[in-house]
N, C-alpha and C. Protein backbone atom coordinates (compact mmCIF):
# COMPACT_ATOMS: atom_id res chain seq x y z
N UNK A 1 165.20 73.16 83.36
CA UNK A 1 166.13 72.40 83.08
C UNK A 1 167.22 72.35 82.17
N UNK A 2 166.29 72.61 81.02
CA UNK A 2 166.80 72.78 79.63
C UNK A 2 167.39 73.89 79.74
N UNK A 3 166.88 75.07 80.48
CA UNK A 3 167.82 76.49 80.33
C UNK A 3 169.42 76.63 80.77
N UNK A 4 169.35 75.58 82.19
CA UNK A 4 170.53 75.27 82.42
C UNK A 4 171.48 74.27 81.72
N UNK A 5 170.93 73.56 80.95
CA UNK A 5 171.74 72.65 79.76
C UNK A 5 172.48 74.05 78.82
N UNK A 6 171.36 74.65 78.61
CA UNK A 6 171.56 75.39 77.43
C UNK A 6 172.82 77.16 77.74
N UNK A 7 172.58 77.07 78.74
CA UNK A 7 173.64 78.18 79.90
C UNK A 7 175.16 77.29 80.07
N UNK A 8 175.09 76.09 80.65
CA UNK A 8 176.08 75.41 80.88
C UNK A 8 177.25 75.39 79.01
N UNK A 9 176.15 74.77 78.52
CA UNK A 9 177.12 74.64 77.47
C UNK A 9 177.23 75.92 76.68
N UNK A 10 176.89 77.00 76.54
CA UNK A 10 177.63 78.33 76.16
C UNK A 10 178.54 78.61 77.14
N UNK A 11 178.68 78.47 78.23
CA UNK A 11 179.88 78.74 79.35
C UNK A 11 181.15 77.82 79.13
N UNK A 12 180.34 76.66 78.85
CA UNK A 12 181.55 75.89 78.09
C UNK A 12 182.45 76.02 77.25
N UNK A 13 181.56 76.02 76.18
CA UNK A 13 181.89 77.22 75.11
C UNK A 13 182.83 78.04 74.54
N UNK A 14 182.70 78.92 76.15
CA UNK A 14 183.42 80.53 75.73
C UNK A 14 184.70 79.97 76.23
N UNK A 15 184.45 79.48 77.59
CA UNK A 15 186.07 78.70 78.11
C UNK A 15 186.80 77.97 76.95
N UNK A 16 186.43 77.18 76.35
CA UNK A 16 187.05 76.56 75.63
C UNK A 16 187.70 77.03 73.99
N UNK A 17 186.91 78.04 73.75
CA UNK A 17 187.37 79.27 72.89
C UNK A 17 188.68 79.14 72.46
N UNK A 18 189.48 79.37 71.48
CA UNK A 18 190.84 79.71 70.94
C UNK A 18 190.89 80.96 70.70
N UNK A 19 191.87 81.32 71.01
CA UNK A 19 191.92 82.83 70.17
C UNK A 19 191.94 82.72 69.12
N UNK A 20 191.52 83.79 68.73
CA UNK A 20 191.54 83.96 66.86
C UNK A 20 193.22 85.09 66.70
N UNK A 21 194.02 84.27 65.88
CA UNK A 21 194.98 84.70 65.87
C UNK A 21 195.24 86.01 64.74
N UNK A 22 194.24 85.50 63.17
CA UNK A 22 194.12 86.68 62.76
C UNK A 22 194.22 87.80 62.90
N UNK A 23 192.44 87.92 64.01
CA UNK A 23 192.03 89.00 64.34
C UNK A 23 193.15 89.47 65.46
N UNK A 24 194.06 89.00 66.26
CA UNK A 24 194.68 89.39 67.32
C UNK A 24 196.24 90.02 66.04
N UNK A 25 196.16 89.32 64.59
CA UNK A 25 197.69 89.82 64.11
C UNK A 25 197.36 91.08 63.67
N UNK A 26 195.99 91.68 63.28
CA UNK A 26 195.77 92.56 62.73
C UNK A 26 196.48 94.10 63.33
N UNK A 27 196.35 93.90 64.56
CA UNK A 27 197.16 95.04 64.87
C UNK A 27 198.70 94.97 64.27
N UNK A 28 199.30 94.18 64.11
CA UNK A 28 200.98 93.88 63.67
C UNK A 28 200.68 94.06 62.38
N UNK A 29 199.65 94.63 61.49
CA UNK A 29 199.20 95.11 59.88
C UNK A 29 199.79 96.61 59.90
N UNK A 30 199.92 97.20 61.10
CA UNK A 30 200.18 98.31 61.03
C UNK A 30 201.35 99.08 60.35
N UNK A 31 202.87 98.04 60.93
CA UNK A 31 203.91 97.83 60.71
C UNK A 31 204.23 97.10 60.03
N UNK A 32 203.70 96.05 59.75
CA UNK A 32 204.78 94.55 59.25
C UNK A 32 203.61 94.76 57.69
N UNK A 33 202.76 95.01 57.67
CA UNK A 33 202.11 95.10 56.45
C UNK A 33 200.68 94.15 56.42
N UNK A 34 199.65 94.24 55.30
CA UNK A 34 199.26 93.94 55.51
C UNK A 34 199.65 91.89 55.36
N UNK A 35 198.87 91.21 56.60
CA UNK A 35 199.18 89.81 56.35
C UNK A 35 200.86 89.83 56.75
N UNK A 36 201.32 90.74 57.30
CA UNK A 36 202.18 90.46 57.15
C UNK A 36 203.54 90.63 56.20
N UNK A 37 202.99 91.12 55.38
CA UNK A 37 204.17 91.22 54.24
C UNK A 37 204.33 92.81 54.05
N UNK A 38 205.61 93.53 54.34
CA UNK A 38 205.94 94.94 54.82
C UNK A 38 206.27 95.43 53.25
N UNK A 39 205.83 96.45 53.38
CA UNK A 39 206.49 97.30 51.88
C UNK A 39 206.90 98.25 52.59
N UNK A 40 207.87 98.46 53.55
CA UNK A 40 209.09 99.15 54.10
C UNK A 40 210.10 98.61 54.94
N UNK A 41 210.12 99.31 55.73
CA UNK A 41 211.75 99.11 56.39
C UNK A 41 211.91 97.98 57.48
N UNK A 42 210.49 97.72 57.52
CA UNK A 42 209.74 96.66 59.07
C UNK A 42 209.98 95.65 58.62
N UNK A 43 210.98 94.55 58.90
CA UNK A 43 210.76 93.14 58.38
C UNK A 43 209.13 92.27 58.16
N UNK A 44 209.29 91.69 56.78
CA UNK A 44 208.26 90.65 56.74
C UNK A 44 208.17 89.66 57.57
N UNK A 45 207.21 89.31 57.95
CA UNK A 45 206.97 87.83 58.95
C UNK A 45 206.14 87.34 58.53
N UNK A 46 205.55 87.16 57.26
CA UNK A 46 204.69 86.42 56.78
C UNK A 46 205.60 84.90 56.04
N UNK A 47 204.52 83.96 56.59
CA UNK A 47 205.59 82.69 55.84
C UNK A 47 206.77 82.50 56.85
N UNK A 48 206.63 82.94 58.21
CA UNK A 48 207.55 82.34 58.66
C UNK A 48 207.71 81.48 59.78
N UNK A 49 208.39 80.70 60.77
CA UNK A 49 208.15 79.22 61.04
C UNK A 49 207.56 79.84 62.68
N UNK A 50 206.26 79.38 62.98
CA UNK A 50 205.52 79.55 64.42
C UNK A 50 206.75 79.66 65.20
N UNK A 51 207.18 78.14 65.29
CA UNK A 51 207.97 78.61 66.77
C UNK A 51 209.04 79.63 66.72
N UNK A 52 209.63 79.91 65.19
CA UNK A 52 210.49 81.60 65.59
C UNK A 52 210.02 82.73 66.04
N UNK A 53 209.23 82.51 64.67
CA UNK A 53 208.20 84.15 65.50
C UNK A 53 207.49 84.28 67.00
N UNK A 54 206.59 82.95 67.77
CA UNK A 54 206.68 82.27 69.45
C UNK A 54 207.68 82.98 70.23
N UNK A 55 208.99 82.00 69.56
CA UNK A 55 210.02 82.85 70.58
C UNK A 55 210.32 84.09 69.82
N UNK A 56 210.38 84.51 69.02
CA UNK A 56 210.96 86.28 69.37
C UNK A 56 209.37 87.47 70.14
N UNK A 57 208.17 86.83 69.93
CA UNK A 57 207.19 87.85 70.90
C UNK A 57 207.46 87.70 72.21
N UNK A 58 207.99 86.24 72.48
CA UNK A 58 208.24 86.00 73.95
C UNK A 58 209.56 86.78 74.21
N UNK A 59 210.47 86.89 73.60
CA UNK A 59 211.95 87.56 74.24
C UNK A 59 211.88 88.93 74.17
N UNK A 60 210.73 89.43 73.15
CA UNK A 60 210.27 91.14 73.66
C UNK A 60 209.47 91.31 74.31
N UNK A 61 208.83 90.35 74.96
CA UNK A 61 207.73 90.43 75.87
C UNK A 61 208.67 90.23 77.43
N UNK A 62 209.48 89.89 77.21
CA UNK A 62 210.64 89.30 78.74
C UNK A 62 211.92 90.02 78.78
N UNK A 63 211.98 91.11 77.29
CA UNK A 63 213.43 91.73 77.71
C UNK A 63 213.30 93.05 78.36
N UNK A 64 212.30 93.50 79.08
CA UNK A 64 211.93 94.38 80.16
C UNK A 64 212.45 95.93 79.05
N UNK A 65 212.49 95.99 77.85
CA UNK A 65 212.44 97.44 76.83
C UNK A 65 211.60 98.32 76.90
N UNK A 66 212.02 98.99 76.77
CA UNK A 66 210.33 100.11 76.34
C UNK A 66 209.95 100.46 74.64
N UNK A 67 210.42 99.65 74.29
CA UNK A 67 210.15 99.30 72.24
C UNK A 67 208.94 99.27 72.27
N UNK A 68 208.38 99.58 70.74
CA UNK A 68 207.18 98.98 70.58
C UNK A 68 206.34 97.96 70.86
N UNK A 69 207.61 96.79 69.99
CA UNK A 69 207.45 95.10 69.86
C UNK A 69 207.48 95.06 71.67
N UNK A 70 208.25 95.22 72.19
CA UNK A 70 207.71 94.95 73.84
C UNK A 70 206.48 95.48 74.50
N UNK A 71 205.61 96.86 74.27
CA UNK A 71 204.96 97.15 75.15
C UNK A 71 203.69 96.23 73.55
N UNK A 72 203.99 96.51 72.68
CA UNK A 72 202.51 95.35 72.07
C UNK A 72 202.86 93.67 72.17
N UNK A 73 203.74 93.20 72.72
CA UNK A 73 203.66 92.17 73.15
C UNK A 73 203.65 91.66 74.66
N UNK A 74 203.63 92.33 75.16
CA UNK A 74 203.03 92.22 77.04
C UNK A 74 201.33 91.87 76.49
N UNK A 75 200.85 93.17 75.43
CA UNK A 75 199.42 93.48 75.53
C UNK A 75 198.93 91.53 76.06
N UNK A 76 199.58 90.93 75.21
CA UNK A 76 198.59 89.45 75.00
C UNK A 76 199.22 88.27 76.12
N UNK A 77 198.26 87.11 75.74
CA UNK A 77 198.77 86.50 76.51
C UNK A 77 199.98 85.25 75.76
N UNK A 78 200.19 84.04 76.78
CA UNK A 78 201.12 82.94 75.81
C UNK A 78 199.88 82.84 74.88
N UNK A 79 198.49 82.17 74.91
CA UNK A 79 198.02 81.60 73.94
C UNK A 79 197.52 82.45 72.85
N UNK A 80 197.33 83.68 73.15
CA UNK A 80 197.28 84.70 72.02
C UNK A 80 198.69 84.95 71.30
N UNK A 81 199.66 85.51 71.44
CA UNK A 81 200.99 85.09 71.29
C UNK A 81 200.78 84.01 70.31
N UNK A 82 200.99 82.65 70.61
CA UNK A 82 201.10 81.43 70.00
C UNK A 82 199.89 81.48 68.74
N UNK A 83 198.91 81.83 68.83
CA UNK A 83 197.61 82.22 67.88
C UNK A 83 198.36 83.34 66.44
N UNK A 84 198.87 84.28 67.11
CA UNK A 84 199.72 84.95 66.17
C UNK A 84 200.64 84.59 65.53
N UNK A 85 201.31 83.80 66.17
CA UNK A 85 202.49 83.39 65.30
C UNK A 85 202.18 81.93 64.31
N UNK A 86 201.56 81.46 64.88
CA UNK A 86 200.75 80.42 63.87
C UNK A 86 200.25 81.19 62.49
N UNK A 87 199.01 81.93 62.89
CA UNK A 87 198.86 82.39 61.91
C UNK A 87 199.46 83.35 60.78
N UNK A 88 200.86 84.46 61.27
CA UNK A 88 201.60 84.10 60.35
C UNK A 88 202.53 83.43 59.29
N UNK A 89 202.66 82.44 60.19
CA UNK A 89 203.25 81.28 59.70
C UNK A 89 202.42 80.21 58.58
N UNK A 90 201.09 80.51 59.01
CA UNK A 90 200.18 79.75 57.41
C UNK A 90 199.70 80.85 55.97
N UNK A 91 200.66 82.57 56.29
CA UNK A 91 200.26 83.69 55.44
C UNK A 91 201.49 83.33 54.37
N UNK A 92 201.35 83.06 52.96
CA UNK A 92 202.32 82.96 52.05
C UNK A 92 202.22 84.09 51.07
């Protein structure tokens, strides 16, 4: 009985786990710079509004184009895109 309790607790915690925005956002560092602070021609995204970032990511995800941002955004779920947007909005 005790083992069943721990097994159920484990699966419930996995099911309720929130995506890790910082970990997911690390893929973005390649172009947008570490923590979203770009040193090149690509826009810095650190400190931008979470709703604006999420909107931009959804637009890329749904635009049907074959550019890098569209391809990358299609790799994530809505919850993961929200987590990425929230993460970058908190970075200063």
